[in-house]
């Protein structure tokens, strides 16, 4: 039991040292790309008419689960210099 716990802790430590930052960056990039995609397809919801409504209506069933979170993210959108990666944590 102790050996299994030690192995699990070693795996978590290695993941934290090597892959954690990559995963966080990949998730942030995915979130940004999804926001851009939704703006291009359903931008008329926030006043940005980009594509004709027929394309938006075809994609609407796939985007409905994402709309509430997307609207919330667009309402509190920050500038590029206000992102977490530029914050001085601990100073």
PDB file of N, CA and C in Angstrom:
ATOM      1  N   UNK A   1       0.823  -1.189   0.000  1.00  0.00           N
ATOM      2  CA  UNK A   1       0.000   0.000   0.000  1.00  0.00           C
ATOM      3  C   UNK A   1       0.870   1.257   0.000  1.00  0.00           C
ATOM      4  N   UNK A   2       1.891   1.301   0.807  1.00  0.00           N
ATOM      5  CA  UNK A   2       2.749   2.475   0.881  1.00  0.00           C
ATOM      6  C   UNK A   2       3.526   2.668  -0.414  1.00  0.00           C
ATOM      7  N   UNK A   3       3.914   1.570  -1.057  1.00  0.00           N
ATOM      8  CA  UNK A   3       4.646   1.661  -2.323  1.00  0.00           C
ATOM      9  C   UNK A   3       3.750   2.227  -3.425  1.00  0.00           C
ATOM     10  N   UNK A   4       2.485   1.815  -3.425  1.00  0.00           N
ATOM     11  CA  UNK A   4       1.542   2.345  -4.418  1.00  0.00           C
ATOM     12  C   UNK A   4       1.307   3.832  -4.202  1.00  0.00           C
ATOM     13  N   UNK A   5       1.206   4.240  -2.947  1.00  0.00           N
ATOM     14  CA  UNK A   5       1.009   5.660  -2.639  1.00  0.00           C
ATOM     15  C   UNK A   5       2.234   6.479  -3.035  1.00  0.00           C
ATOM     16  N   UNK A   6       3.407   5.945  -2.768  1.00  0.00           N
ATOM     17  CA  UNK A   6       4.647   6.621  -3.147  1.00  0.00           C
ATOM     18  C   UNK A   6       4.745   6.759  -4.663  1.00  0.00           C
ATOM     19  N   UNK A   7       4.361   5.716  -5.382  1.00  0.00           N
ATOM     20  CA  UNK A   7       4.384   5.753  -6.852  1.00  0.00           C
ATOM     21  C   UNK A   7       3.401   6.802  -7.382  1.00  0.00           C
ATOM     22  N   UNK A   8       2.205   6.875  -6.769  1.00  0.00           N
ATOM     23  CA  UNK A   8       1.202   7.861  -7.187  1.00  0.00           C
ATOM     24  C   UNK A   8       1.724   9.280  -6.945  1.00  0.00           C
ATOM     25  N   UNK A   9       2.328   9.511  -5.802  1.00  0.00           N
ATOM     26  CA  UNK A   9       2.886  10.832  -5.513  1.00  0.00           C
ATOM     27  C   UNK A   9       4.019  11.202  -6.464  1.00  0.00           C
ATOM     28  N   UNK A  10       4.847  10.216  -6.808  1.00  0.00           N
ATOM     29  CA  UNK A  10       5.935  10.477  -7.755  1.00  0.00           C
ATOM     30  C   UNK A  10       5.380  10.832  -9.131  1.00  0.00           C
ATOM     31  N   UNK A  11       4.316  10.143  -9.553  1.00  0.00           N
ATOM     32  CA  UNK A  11       3.695  10.455 -10.846  1.00  0.00           C
ATOM     33  C   UNK A  11       3.086  11.846 -10.837  1.00  0.00           C
ATOM     34  N   UNK A  12       2.417  12.204  -9.750  1.00  0.00           N
ATOM     35  CA  UNK A  12       1.825  13.534  -9.666  1.00  0.00           C
ATOM     36  C   UNK A  12       2.895  14.623  -9.645  1.00  0.00           C
ATOM     37  N   UNK A  13       3.969  14.387  -8.935  1.00  0.00           N
ATOM     38  CA  UNK A  13       5.057  15.358  -8.888  1.00  0.00           C
ATOM     39  C   UNK A  13       5.679  15.547 -10.268  1.00  0.00           C
ATOM     40  N   UNK A  14       5.915  14.435 -10.971  1.00  0.00           N
ATOM     41  CA  UNK A  14       6.499  14.506 -12.313  1.00  0.00           C
ATOM     42  C   UNK A  14       5.561  15.232 -13.272  1.00  0.00           C
ATOM     43  N   UNK A  15       4.274  14.932 -13.162  1.00  0.00           N
ATOM     44  CA  UNK A  15       3.295  15.614 -14.012  1.00  0.00           C
ATOM     45  C   UNK A  15       3.282  17.113 -13.718  1.00  0.00           C
ATOM     46  N   UNK A  16       3.342  17.479 -12.454  1.00  0.00           N
ATOM     47  CA  UNK A  16       3.353  18.884 -12.079  1.00  0.00           C
ATOM     48  C   UNK A  16       4.592  19.604 -12.571  1.00  0.00           C
ATOM     49  N   UNK A  17       5.713  18.917 -12.590  1.00  0.00           N
ATOM     50  CA  UNK A  17       6.960  19.534 -13.039  1.00  0.00           C
ATOM     51  C   UNK A  17       7.055  19.628 -14.563  1.00  0.00           C
ATOM     52  N   UNK A  18       6.379  18.723 -15.277  1.00  0.00           N
ATOM     53  CA  UNK A  18       6.558  18.678 -16.727  1.00  0.00           C
ATOM     54  C   UNK A  18       5.311  19.045 -17.516  1.00  0.00           C
ATOM     55  N   UNK A  19       4.162  18.491 -17.202  1.00  0.00           N
ATOM     56  CA  UNK A  19       3.015  18.629 -18.086  1.00  0.00           C
ATOM     57  C   UNK A  19       1.930  19.575 -17.655  1.00  0.00           C
ATOM     58  N   UNK A  20       1.913  19.974 -16.406  1.00  0.00           N
ATOM     59  CA  UNK A  20       0.803  20.778 -15.908  1.00  0.00           C
ATOM     60  C   UNK A  20       0.670  22.103 -16.650  1.00  0.00           C
ATOM     61  N   UNK A  21       1.773  22.787 -16.852  1.00  0.00           N
ATOM     62  CA  UNK A  21       1.730  24.084 -17.535  1.00  0.00           C
ATOM     63  C   UNK A  21       1.279  23.932 -18.990  1.00  0.00           C
ATOM     64  N   UNK A  22       1.694  22.841 -19.638  1.00  0.00           N
ATOM     65  CA  UNK A  22       1.257  22.604 -21.018  1.00  0.00           C
ATOM     66  C   UNK A  22      -0.250  22.392 -21.085  1.00  0.00           C
ATOM     67  N   UNK A  23      -0.783  21.649 -20.130  1.00  0.00           N
ATOM     68  CA  UNK A  23      -2.220  21.392 -20.104  1.00  0.00           C
ATOM     69  C   UNK A  23      -2.984  22.685 -19.869  1.00  0.00           C
ATOM     70  N   UNK A  24      -2.529  23.512 -18.930  1.00  0.00           N
ATOM     71  CA  UNK A  24      -3.185  24.787 -18.662  1.00  0.00           C
ATOM     72  C   UNK A  24      -3.160  25.686 -19.895  1.00  0.00           C
ATOM     73  N   UNK A  25      -2.037  25.728 -20.580  1.00  0.00           N
ATOM     74  CA  UNK A  25      -1.924  26.559 -21.783  1.00  0.00           C
ATOM     75  C   UNK A  25      -2.824  26.023 -22.890  1.00  0.00           C
ATOM     76  N   UNK A  26      -2.891  24.707 -23.048  1.00  0.00           N
ATOM     77  CA  UNK A  26      -3.751  24.113 -24.075  1.00  0.00           C
ATOM     78  C   UNK A  26      -5.222  24.404 -23.789  1.00  0.00           C
ATOM     79  N   UNK A  27      -5.632  24.329 -22.536  1.00  0.00           N
ATOM     80  CA  UNK A  27      -7.024  24.623 -22.194  1.00  0.00           C
ATOM     81  C   UNK A  27      -7.355  26.099 -22.413  1.00  0.00           C
ATOM     82  N   UNK A  28      -6.429  26.986 -22.083  1.00  0.00           N
ATOM     83  CA  UNK A  28      -6.662  28.415 -22.319  1.00  0.00           C
ATOM     84  C   UNK A  28      -6.739  28.716 -23.813  1.00  0.00           C
ATOM     85  N   UNK A  29      -5.880  28.083 -24.604  1.00  0.00           N
ATOM     86  CA  UNK A  29      -5.912  28.274 -26.053  1.00  0.00           C
ATOM     87  C   UNK A  29      -7.212  27.747 -26.633  1.00  0.00           C
ATOM     88  N   UNK A  30      -7.662  26.601 -26.137  1.00  0.00           N
ATOM     89  CA  UNK A  30      -8.926  26.041 -26.623  1.00  0.00           C
ATOM     90  C   UNK A  30     -10.085  26.973 -26.291  1.00  0.00           C
ATOM     91  N   UNK A  31     -10.095  27.525 -25.080  1.00  0.00           N
ATOM     92  CA  UNK A  31     -11.154  28.449 -24.682  1.00  0.00           C
ATOM     93  C   UNK A  31     -11.163  29.677 -25.580  1.00  0.00           C
ATOM     94  N   UNK A  32      -9.996  30.217 -25.880  1.00  0.00           N
ATOM     95  CA  UNK A  32      -9.915  31.391 -26.756  1.00  0.00           C
ATOM     96  C   UNK A  32     -10.384  31.072 -28.162  1.00  0.00           C
ATOM     97  N   UNK A  33      -9.992  29.915 -28.692  1.00  0.00           N
ATOM     98  CA  UNK A  33     -10.416  29.536 -30.045  1.00  0.00           C
ATOM     99  C   UNK A  33     -11.911  29.270 -30.111  1.00  0.00           C
ATOM    100  N   UNK A  34     -12.473  28.668 -29.066  1.00  0.00           N
ATOM    101  CA  UNK A  34     -13.920  28.463 -29.036  1.00  0.00           C
ATOM    102  C   UNK A  34     -14.651  29.794 -28.994  1.00  0.00           C
ATOM    103  N   UNK A  35     -14.126  30.749 -28.245  1.00  0.00           N
ATOM    104  CA  UNK A  35     -14.759  32.070 -28.193  1.00  0.00           C
ATOM    105  C   UNK A  35     -14.723  32.746 -29.557  1.00  0.00           C
ATOM    106  N   UNK A  36     -13.618  32.651 -30.244  1.00  0.00           N
ATOM    107  CA  UNK A  36     -13.515  33.234 -31.585  1.00  0.00           C
ATOM    108  C   UNK A  36     -14.491  32.560 -32.538  1.00  0.00           C
ATOM    109  N   UNK A  37     -14.588  31.245 -32.473  1.00  0.00           N
ATOM    110  CA  UNK A  37     -15.511  30.517 -33.338  1.00  0.00           C
ATOM    111  C   UNK A  37     -16.952  30.932 -33.082  1.00  0.00           C
ATOM    112  N   UNK A  38     -17.332  31.056 -31.813  1.00  0.00           N
ATOM    113  CA  UNK A  38     -18.705  31.440 -31.501  1.00  0.00           C
ATOM    114  C   UNK A  38     -18.973  32.879 -31.926  1.00  0.00           C
ATOM    115  N   UNK A  39     -17.991  33.758 -31.778  1.00  0.00           N
ATOM    116  CA  UNK A  39     -18.179  35.137 -32.242  1.00  0.00           C
ATOM    117  C   UNK A  39     -18.381  35.160 -33.749  1.00  0.00           C
ATOM    118  N   UNK A  40     -17.633  34.335 -34.472  1.00  0.00           N
ATOM    119  CA  UNK A  40     -17.773  34.321 -35.929  1.00  0.00           C
ATOM    120  C   UNK A  40     -19.099  33.720 -36.378  1.00  0.00           C
ATOM    121  N   UNK A  41     -19.652  32.806 -35.612  1.00  0.00           N
ATOM    122  CA  UNK A  41     -20.896  32.175 -36.035  1.00  0.00           C
ATOM    123  C   UNK A  41     -22.127  32.822 -35.420  1.00  0.00           C
ATOM    124  N   UNK A  42     -22.071  33.174 -34.139  1.00  0.00           N
ATOM    125  CA  UNK A  42     -23.235  33.728 -33.454  1.00  0.00           C
ATOM    126  C   UNK A  42     -22.949  35.115 -32.893  1.00  0.00           C
ATOM    127  N   UNK A  43     -22.145  35.874 -33.593  1.00  0.00           N
ATOM    128  CA  UNK A  43     -21.796  37.201 -33.124  1.00  0.00           C
ATOM    129  C   UNK A  43     -22.967  38.152 -33.049  1.00  0.00           C
ATOM    130  N   UNK A  44     -24.048  37.852 -33.766  1.00  0.00           N
ATOM    131  CA  UNK A  44     -25.205  38.737 -33.727  1.00  0.00           C
ATOM    132  C   UNK A  44     -25.864  38.750 -32.347  1.00  0.00           C
ATOM    133  N   UNK A  45     -25.559  37.772 -31.498  1.00  0.00           N
ATOM    134  CA  UNK A  45     -26.093  37.789 -30.138  1.00  0.00           C
ATOM    135  C   UNK A  45     -25.514  38.929 -29.310  1.00  0.00           C
ATOM    136  N   UNK A  46     -24.313  39.373 -29.667  1.00  0.00           N
ATOM    137  CA  UNK A  46     -23.711  40.504 -28.949  1.00  0.00           C
ATOM    138  C   UNK A  46     -23.525  41.703 -29.868  1.00  0.00           C
ATOM    139  N   UNK A  47     -24.124  41.663 -31.062  1.00  0.00           N
ATOM    140  CA  UNK A  47     -24.106  42.816 -31.948  1.00  0.00           C
ATOM    141  C   UNK A  47     -23.010  42.822 -32.988  1.00  0.00           C
ATOM    142  N   UNK A  48     -22.458  41.659 -33.329  1.00  0.00           N
ATOM    143  CA  UNK A  48     -21.407  41.563 -34.347  1.00  0.00           C
ATOM    144  C   UNK A  48     -21.935  40.688 -35.485  1.00  0.00           C
ATOM    145  N   UNK A  49     -22.584  41.282 -36.497  1.00  0.00           N
ATOM    146  CA  UNK A  49     -23.111  40.466 -37.593  1.00  0.00           C
ATOM    147  C   UNK A  49     -21.987  40.040 -38.541  1.00  0.00           C
ATOM    148  N   UNK A  50     -21.626  38.770 -38.517  1.00  0.00           N
ATOM    149  CA  UNK A  50     -20.511  38.293 -39.324  1.00  0.00           C
ATOM    150  C   UNK A  50     -20.992  37.340 -40.410  1.00  0.00           C
ATOM    151  N   UNK A  51     -21.641  36.271 -40.038  1.00  0.00           N
ATOM    152  CA  UNK A  51     -22.117  35.279 -41.001  1.00  0.00           C
ATOM    153  C   UNK A  51     -23.625  35.397 -41.186  1.00  0.00           C
ATOM    154  N   UNK A  52     -24.122  34.957 -42.343  1.00  0.00           N
ATOM    155  CA  UNK A  52     -25.579  34.942 -42.530  1.00  0.00           C
ATOM    156  C   UNK A  52     -26.240  34.013 -41.507  1.00  0.00           C
ATOM    157  N   UNK A  53     -27.466  34.308 -41.130  1.00  0.00           N
ATOM    158  CA  UNK A  53     -28.148  33.511 -40.103  1.00  0.00           C
ATOM    159  C   UNK A  53     -28.311  32.037 -40.453  1.00  0.00           C
ATOM    160  N   UNK A  54     -28.324  31.670 -41.735  1.00  0.00           N
ATOM    161  CA  UNK A  54     -28.520  30.256 -42.077  1.00  0.00           C
ATOM    162  C   UNK A  54     -27.380  29.397 -41.548  1.00  0.00           C
ATOM    163  N   UNK A  55     -26.155  29.894 -41.605  1.00  0.00           N
ATOM    164  CA  UNK A  55     -25.032  29.138 -41.035  1.00  0.00           C
ATOM    165  C   UNK A  55     -25.147  29.054 -39.526  1.00  0.00           C
ATOM    166  N   UNK A  56     -25.569  30.135 -38.919  1.00  0.00           N
ATOM    167  CA  UNK A  56     -25.723  30.147 -37.469  1.00  0.00           C
ATOM    168  C   UNK A  56     -26.789  29.163 -37.023  1.00  0.00           C
ATOM    169  N   UNK A  57     -27.879  29.099 -37.755  1.00  0.00           N
ATOM    170  CA  UNK A  57     -28.942  28.176 -37.379  1.00  0.00           C
ATOM    171  C   UNK A  57     -28.527  26.720 -37.546  1.00  0.00           C
ATOM    172  N   UNK A  58     -27.694  26.425 -38.510  1.00  0.00           N
ATOM    173  CA  UNK A  58     -27.209  25.048 -38.669  1.00  0.00           C
ATOM    174  C   UNK A  58     -26.281  24.641 -37.532  1.00  0.00           C
ATOM    175  N   UNK A  59     -25.513  25.577 -37.021  1.00  0.00           N
ATOM    176  CA  UNK A  59     -24.568  25.278 -35.947  1.00  0.00           C
ATOM    177  C   UNK A  59     -25.166  25.445 -34.555  1.00  0.00           C
ATOM    178  N   UNK A  60     -26.332  26.045 -34.465  1.00  0.00           N
ATOM    179  CA  UNK A  60     -26.929  26.340 -33.172  1.00  0.00           C
ATOM    180  C   UNK A  60     -27.089  25.115 -32.265  1.00  0.00           C
ATOM    181  N   UNK A  61     -27.559  23.961 -32.750  1.00  0.00           N
ATOM    182  CA  UNK A  61     -27.698  22.811 -31.839  1.00  0.00           C
ATOM    183  C   UNK A  61     -26.382  22.374 -31.196  1.00  0.00           C
ATOM    184  N   UNK A  62     -25.280  22.576 -31.878  1.00  0.00           N
ATOM    185  CA  UNK A  62     -23.988  22.174 -31.329  1.00  0.00           C
ATOM    186  C   UNK A  62     -23.430  23.209 -30.347  1.00  0.00           C
ATOM    187  N   UNK A  63     -23.868  24.456 -30.483  1.00  0.00           N
ATOM    188  CA  UNK A  63     -23.316  25.535 -29.675  1.00  0.00           C
ATOM    189  C   UNK A  63     -24.175  25.926 -28.481  1.00  0.00           C
ATOM    190  N   UNK A  64     -25.386  25.406 -28.389  1.00  0.00           N
ATOM    191  CA  UNK A  64     -26.269  25.783 -27.286  1.00  0.00           C
ATOM    192  C   UNK A  64     -25.649  25.505 -25.917  1.00  0.00           C
ATOM    193  N   UNK A  65     -24.999  24.359 -25.686  1.00  0.00           N
ATOM    194  CA  UNK A  65     -24.415  24.145 -24.355  1.00  0.00           C
ATOM    195  C   UNK A  65     -23.311  25.142 -23.997  1.00  0.00           C
ATOM    196  N   UNK A  66     -22.686  25.747 -24.978  1.00  0.00           N
ATOM    197  CA  UNK A  66     -21.575  26.668 -24.734  1.00  0.00           C
ATOM    198  C   UNK A  66     -22.012  28.127 -24.604  1.00  0.00           C
ATOM    199  N   UNK A  67     -23.246  28.453 -24.958  1.00  0.00           N
ATOM    200  CA  UNK A  67     -23.655  29.849 -25.052  1.00  0.00           C
ATOM    201  C   UNK A  67     -23.628  30.597 -23.722  1.00  0.00           C
ATOM    202  N   UNK A  68     -24.104  29.986 -22.649  1.00  0.00           N
ATOM    203  CA  UNK A  68     -24.158  30.692 -21.360  1.00  0.00           C
ATOM    204  C   UNK A  68     -22.753  31.060 -20.886  1.00  0.00           C
ATOM    205  N   UNK A  69     -21.835  30.114 -20.944  1.00  0.00           N
ATOM    206  CA  UNK A  69     -20.456  30.395 -20.538  1.00  0.00           C
ATOM    207  C   UNK A  69     -19.784  31.401 -21.451  1.00  0.00           C
ATOM    208  N   UNK A  70     -20.081  31.313 -22.741  1.00  0.00           N
ATOM    209  CA  UNK A  70     -19.483  32.242 -23.705  1.00  0.00           C
ATOM    210  C   UNK A  70     -19.952  33.670 -23.461  1.00  0.00           C
ATOM    211  N   UNK A  71     -21.252  33.842 -23.225  1.00  0.00           N
ATOM    212  CA  UNK A  71     -21.768  35.182 -22.948  1.00  0.00           C
ATOM    213  C   UNK A  71     -21.133  35.749 -21.676  1.00  0.00           C
ATOM    214  N   UNK A  72     -20.954  34.902 -20.676  1.00  0.00           N
ATOM    215  CA  UNK A  72     -20.327  35.347 -19.432  1.00  0.00           C
ATOM    216  C   UNK A  72     -18.879  35.763 -19.672  1.00  0.00           C
ATOM    217  N   UNK A  73     -18.149  34.966 -20.473  1.00  0.00           N
ATOM    218  CA  UNK A  73     -16.753  35.304 -20.780  1.00  0.00           C
ATOM    219  C   UNK A  73     -16.656  36.593 -21.581  1.00  0.00           C
ATOM    220  N   UNK A  74     -17.577  36.822 -22.497  1.00  0.00           N
ATOM    221  CA  UNK A  74     -17.548  38.035 -23.303  1.00  0.00           C
ATOM    222  C   UNK A  74     -17.885  39.261 -22.463  1.00  0.00           C
ATOM    223  N   UNK A  75     -18.700  39.085 -21.431  1.00  0.00           N
ATOM    224  CA  UNK A  75     -19.080  40.214 -20.589  1.00  0.00           C
ATOM    225  C   UNK A  75     -17.918  40.677 -19.713  1.00  0.00           C
ATOM    226  N   UNK A  76     -17.028  39.759 -19.332  1.00  0.00           N
ATOM    227  CA  UNK A  76     -15.896  40.119 -18.472  1.00  0.00           C
ATOM    228  C   UNK A  76     -14.587  39.990 -19.229  1.00  0.00           C
ATOM    229  N   UNK A  77     -14.622  40.202 -20.513  1.00  0.00           N
ATOM    230  CA  UNK A  77     -13.424  40.063 -21.345  1.00  0.00           C
ATOM    231  C   UNK A  77     -12.357  41.054 -20.916  1.00  0.00           C
ATOM    232  N   UNK A  78     -11.122  40.599 -20.805  1.00  0.00           N
ATOM    233  CA  UNK A  78     -10.014  41.447 -20.400  1.00  0.00           C
ATOM    234  C   UNK A  78      -9.126  41.731 -21.602  1.00  0.00           C
ATOM    235  N   UNK A  79      -8.324  42.736 -21.459  1.00  0.00           N
ATOM    236  CA  UNK A  79      -7.330  43.033 -22.475  1.00  0.00           C
ATOM    237  C   UNK A  79      -6.161  42.075 -22.335  1.00  0.00           C
ATOM    238  N   UNK A  80      -5.296  42.022 -23.326  1.00  0.00           N
ATOM    239  CA  UNK A  80      -4.224  41.036 -23.306  1.00  0.00           C
ATOM    240  C   UNK A  80      -3.261  41.244 -22.145  1.00  0.00           C
ATOM    241  N   UNK A  81      -3.106  42.485 -21.690  1.00  0.00           N
ATOM    242  CA  UNK A  81      -2.164  42.724 -20.605  1.00  0.00           C
ATOM    243  C   UNK A  81      -2.780  42.415 -19.238  1.00  0.00           C
ATOM    244  N   UNK A  82      -4.074  42.105 -19.191  1.00  0.00           N
ATOM    245  CA  UNK A  82      -4.734  41.791 -17.935  1.00  0.00           C
ATOM    246  C   UNK A  82      -4.852  40.293 -17.699  1.00  0.00           C
ATOM    247  N   UNK A  83      -4.183  39.484 -18.502  1.00  0.00           N
ATOM    248  CA  UNK A  83      -4.256  38.037 -18.324  1.00  0.00           C
ATOM    249  C   UNK A  83      -3.426  37.610 -17.122  1.00  0.00           C
ATOM    250  N   UNK A  84      -3.718  36.419 -16.619  1.00  0.00           N
ATOM    251  CA  UNK A  84      -3.027  35.909 -15.444  1.00  0.00           C
ATOM    252  C   UNK A  84      -1.534  35.751 -15.651  1.00  0.00           C
ATOM    253  N   UNK A  85      -1.120  35.405 -16.835  1.00  0.00           N
ATOM    254  CA  UNK A  85       0.295  35.126 -17.065  1.00  0.00           C
ATOM    255  C   UNK A  85       1.163  36.364 -16.914  1.00  0.00           C
ATOM    256  N   UNK A  86       0.560  37.553 -16.955  1.00  0.00           N
ATOM    257  CA  UNK A  86       1.322  38.779 -16.793  1.00  0.00           C
ATOM    258  C   UNK A  86       1.240  39.333 -15.370  1.00  0.00           C
ATOM    259  N   UNK A  87       0.461  38.674 -14.509  1.00  0.00           N
ATOM    260  CA  UNK A  87       0.343  39.140 -13.131  1.00  0.00           C
ATOM    261  C   UNK A  87       1.600  38.833 -12.353  1.00  0.00           C
ATOM    262  N   UNK A  88       1.906  39.679 -11.388  1.00  0.00           N
ATOM    263  CA  UNK A  88       3.056  39.466 -10.516  1.00  0.00           C
ATOM    264  C   UNK A  88       2.552  38.834  -9.222  1.00  0.00           C
ATOM    265  N   UNK A  89       2.433  37.516  -9.213  1.00  0.00           N
ATOM    266  CA  UNK A  89       1.931  36.803  -8.047  1.00  0.00           C
ATOM    267  C   UNK A  89       2.993  36.768  -6.960  1.00  0.00           C
ATOM    268  N   UNK A  90       2.597  37.065  -5.749  1.00  0.00           N
ATOM    269  CA  UNK A  90       3.500  36.967  -4.620  1.00  0.00           C
ATOM    270  C   UNK A  90       4.387  38.172  -4.419  1.00  0.00           C
ATOM    271  N   UNK A  91       4.176  39.224  -5.197  1.00  0.00           N
ATOM    272  CA  UNK A  91       5.030  40.417  -5.028  1.00  0.00           C
ATOM    273  C   UNK A  91       4.202  41.515  -4.415  1.00  0.00           C
TER     274      UNK A  91
END
